[in-house]
Amino acid sequence: MIPIASQAPAGFPPPRTAGDPLLPATDRRWLGICTHRSASIQADNGAGLTRGIIGLVSKGQPGKPDDWGALRAWAWGVARVLDYLEASEPMVDAKHVGIEGVSRYGKAALVTLAFEPRFAMGLIGSSGEGGAKLHRRNWGEAVESLTGGELLLDAGNFMKYGASEAVFGAKTAKTA
């Protein structure tokens, strides 16, 4: 693995290096893994919308419908991690960096891929409603499931697509 940090995080073994007998001698391609805490960019709860990067931009005021939700804030943060890797880690080939995520972090990885073209690939698992699945159907989690509670993950404008009582009516698939 590429040593991303100068010391391993607590509870983790130090990164393996080229002379390590557990790394195959014939493997000339190294794999580096870099993680970051999304909550260090934006809290993972509605109360955090006046703090983090969203709160910094909105000067601590409640957001407007066009403002970012946590998914976009997390995508912005991951792009800053890639900025660091490009500028400070010469062993990282920034043209071959991917992103992965599961569940809400799968949604965040999809948003990152949509807004940050420098990521070469994504590995998305179980991104659910709001992720990589059909939005309008008559079974399973629906858009209304995402928009019926607190505004957190998505921009406020997404709320109008889950409003069955809206002027334009319900947008769920119709049965025959």
Protein backbone atom coordinates (compact mmCIF):
# COMPACT_ATOMS: atom_id res chain seq x y z
CA MET A 1 0.00 0.00 0.00
CA ILE A 2 1.10 3.54 -0.57
CA PRO A 3 1.87 5.17 2.76
CA ILE A 4 -0.63 8.02 2.65
CA ALA A 5 0.04 9.24 6.19
CA SER A 6 3.30 9.45 8.07
CA GLN A 7 1.87 7.22 10.80
CA ALA A 8 -0.93 4.68 10.86
CA PRO A 9 -4.20 5.63 12.57
CA ALA A 10 -4.78 4.20 16.04
CA GLY A 11 -5.78 0.54 15.84
CA PHE A 12 -4.40 -0.01 12.33
CA PRO A 13 -1.10 -1.64 11.37
CA PRO A 14 1.40 0.56 9.54
CA PRO A 15 1.22 0.52 5.72
CA ARG A 16 3.16 -2.21 3.95
CA THR A 17 6.21 -1.18 1.96
CA ALA A 18 8.08 -2.65 -1.02
CA GLY A 19 10.29 -4.95 1.07
CA ASP A 20 7.39 -6.51 2.98
CA PRO A 21 7.28 -10.31 2.39
CA LEU A 22 3.46 -10.18 2.43
CA LEU A 23 3.46 -8.13 -0.77
CA PRO A 24 4.04 -10.25 -3.89
CA ALA A 25 7.46 -9.47 -5.34
CA THR A 26 6.03 -9.57 -8.86
CA ASP A 27 3.35 -6.97 -8.11
CA ARG A 28 4.63 -3.66 -9.46
CA ARG A 29 1.24 -1.97 -9.20
CA TRP A 30 0.53 -0.71 -5.74
CA LEU A 31 -2.84 -0.02 -4.28
CA GLY A 32 -3.31 2.86 -1.90
CA ILE A 33 -6.33 3.41 0.27
CA CYS A 34 -7.12 6.80 1.69
CA THR A 35 -10.09 7.40 3.94
CA HIS A 36 -11.62 10.53 5.36
CA ARG A 37 -14.38 11.24 7.84
CA SER A 38 -17.30 12.85 6.05
CA ALA A 39 -18.48 14.36 9.35
CA SER A 40 -15.29 16.43 9.42
CA ILE A 41 -16.70 18.27 6.37
CA GLN A 42 -20.41 18.22 7.21
CA ALA A 43 -22.33 16.62 10.08
CA ASP A 44 -24.53 13.63 9.28
CA ASN A 45 -27.64 15.12 10.88
CA GLY A 46 -30.07 17.95 10.22
CA ALA A 47 -28.82 19.95 13.21
CA GLY A 48 -25.45 20.25 11.48
CA LEU A 49 -26.83 22.22 8.52
CA THR A 50 -25.88 25.49 10.23
CA ARG A 51 -22.35 24.18 10.85
CA GLY A 52 -19.67 22.47 8.75
CA ILE A 53 -18.99 23.68 5.22
CA ILE A 54 -22.71 24.37 4.64
CA GLY A 55 -22.88 26.53 7.77
CA LEU A 56 -19.65 28.30 6.81
CA VAL A 57 -21.05 29.26 3.41
CA SER A 58 -24.49 30.21 4.79
CA LYS A 59 -22.91 32.06 7.74
CA GLY A 60 -24.76 29.81 10.19
CA GLN A 61 -28.21 30.57 8.76
CA PRO A 62 -30.75 27.95 7.62
CA GLY A 63 -30.28 26.97 3.99
CA LYS A 64 -32.31 27.95 0.96
CA PRO A 65 -33.83 25.42 -1.48
CA ASP A 66 -30.92 25.80 -3.93
CA ASP A 67 -28.24 25.30 -1.24
CA TRP A 68 -26.21 22.12 -0.90
CA GLY A 69 -27.28 19.17 1.18
CA ALA A 70 -24.80 16.93 2.99
CA LEU A 71 -24.18 14.76 -0.12
CA ARG A 72 -22.85 17.70 -2.12
CA ALA A 73 -20.84 18.97 0.85
CA TRP A 74 -19.23 15.54 1.26
CA ALA A 75 -18.44 15.46 -2.48
CA TRP A 76 -16.74 18.86 -2.14
CA GLY A 77 -14.69 17.52 0.78
CA VAL A 78 -13.55 14.42 -1.11
CA ALA A 79 -12.44 16.65 -3.99
CA ARG A 80 -10.28 18.57 -1.49
CA VAL A 81 -8.71 15.26 -0.41
CA LEU A 82 -7.90 14.59 -4.07
CA ASP A 83 -6.40 18.10 -4.33
CA TYR A 84 -4.09 17.19 -1.44
CA LEU A 85 -3.11 13.85 -2.97
CA GLU A 86 -2.30 15.50 -6.31
CA ALA A 87 -0.21 18.24 -4.69
CA SER A 88 1.50 16.40 -1.85
CA GLU A 89 1.76 12.67 -2.54
CA PRO A 90 4.03 12.02 -5.55
CA MET A 91 3.44 8.25 -5.32
CA VAL A 92 -0.27 8.75 -6.06
CA ASP A 93 -1.25 8.62 -9.72
CA ALA A 94 -4.14 11.07 -9.48
CA LYS A 95 -5.45 10.00 -12.89
CA HIS A 96 -6.24 6.55 -11.47
CA VAL A 97 -8.07 7.43 -8.25
CA GLY A 98 -11.50 6.00 -7.60
CA ILE A 99 -14.13 6.47 -4.93
CA GLU A 100 -16.36 3.97 -3.17
CA GLY A 101 -19.32 4.14 -0.86
CA VAL A 102 -22.19 2.10 0.53
CA SER A 103 -25.71 3.32 1.40
CA ARG A 104 -25.72 7.10 2.00
CA TYR A 105 -22.00 7.14 1.23
CA GLY A 106 -22.82 5.36 -2.04
CA LYS A 107 -25.10 8.28 -2.83
CA ALA A 108 -22.28 10.64 -1.85
CA ALA A 109 -19.86 8.78 -4.15
CA LEU A 110 -22.34 9.12 -7.04
CA VAL A 111 -22.68 12.86 -6.38
CA THR A 112 -18.89 13.14 -6.25
CA LEU A 113 -18.57 11.38 -9.60
CA ALA A 114 -21.19 13.72 -11.08
CA PHE A 115 -19.39 16.89 -9.97
CA GLU A 116 -15.71 15.87 -9.90
CA PRO A 117 -14.43 14.50 -13.24
CA ARG A 118 -10.96 13.75 -11.84
CA PHE A 119 -12.17 10.52 -10.21
CA ALA A 120 -11.54 7.70 -12.66
CA MET A 121 -14.09 5.21 -11.31
CA GLY A 122 -16.65 4.54 -8.63
CA LEU A 123 -17.60 1.44 -6.67
CA ILE A 124 -21.13 2.05 -5.42
CA GLY A 125 -22.95 -0.39 -3.14
CA SER A 126 -26.60 -0.31 -2.07
CA SER A 127 -27.12 3.37 -2.73
CA GLY A 128 -30.91 2.94 -2.43
CA GLU A 129 -33.44 5.72 -2.99
CA GLY A 130 -31.72 8.83 -4.23
CA GLY A 131 -28.90 6.65 -5.52
CA ALA A 132 -28.51 4.39 -8.56
CA LYS A 133 -32.00 2.92 -8.86
CA LEU A 134 -35.36 3.74 -10.39
CA HIS A 135 -37.04 6.63 -8.60
CA ARG A 136 -40.59 6.23 -9.85
CA ARG A 137 -42.13 2.83 -9.26
CA ASN A 138 -44.89 1.31 -7.13
CA TRP A 139 -42.82 -0.78 -4.73
CA GLY A 140 -39.88 -0.32 -2.40
CA GLU A 141 -38.48 2.93 -1.11
CA ALA A 142 -39.96 5.93 -2.92
CA VAL A 143 -38.83 9.52 -3.43
CA GLU A 144 -41.46 10.45 -0.85
CA SER A 145 -39.51 8.39 1.71
CA LEU A 146 -36.56 10.75 1.28
CA THR A 147 -38.51 13.98 1.21
CA GLY A 148 -40.91 13.45 4.08
CA GLY A 149 -38.49 14.17 6.91
CA GLU A 150 -35.76 16.63 7.69
CA LEU A 151 -33.73 18.21 4.93
CA LEU A 152 -30.29 16.70 5.22
CA LEU A 153 -28.80 14.79 2.34
CA ASP A 154 -30.24 16.58 -0.68
CA ALA A 155 -30.72 20.16 -1.77
CA GLY A 156 -34.03 21.66 -0.64
CA ASN A 157 -35.40 21.72 -4.19
CA PHE A 158 -35.46 17.90 -4.18
CA MET A 159 -38.35 18.08 -1.68
CA LYS A 160 -40.81 19.13 -4.39
CA TYR A 161 -40.37 15.83 -6.24
CA GLY A 162 -41.72 13.86 -3.29
CA ALA A 163 -44.80 15.98 -2.71
CA SER A 164 -47.85 13.90 -3.66
CA GLU A 165 -50.10 16.83 -2.74
CA ALA A 166 -48.18 19.28 -4.95
CA VAL A 167 -49.78 21.31 -7.73
CA PHE A 168 -48.34 18.92 -10.34
CA GLY A 169 -49.63 15.85 -8.43
CA ALA A 170 -47.92 12.61 -7.48
CA LYS A 171 -45.11 11.51 -9.78
CA THR A 172 -45.04 7.84 -8.81
CA ALA A 173 -45.53 5.26 -11.57
CA LYS A 174 -49.19 4.56 -12.35
CA THR A 175 -50.59 1.02 -12.28
CA ALA A 176 -52.60 -0.24 -15.22
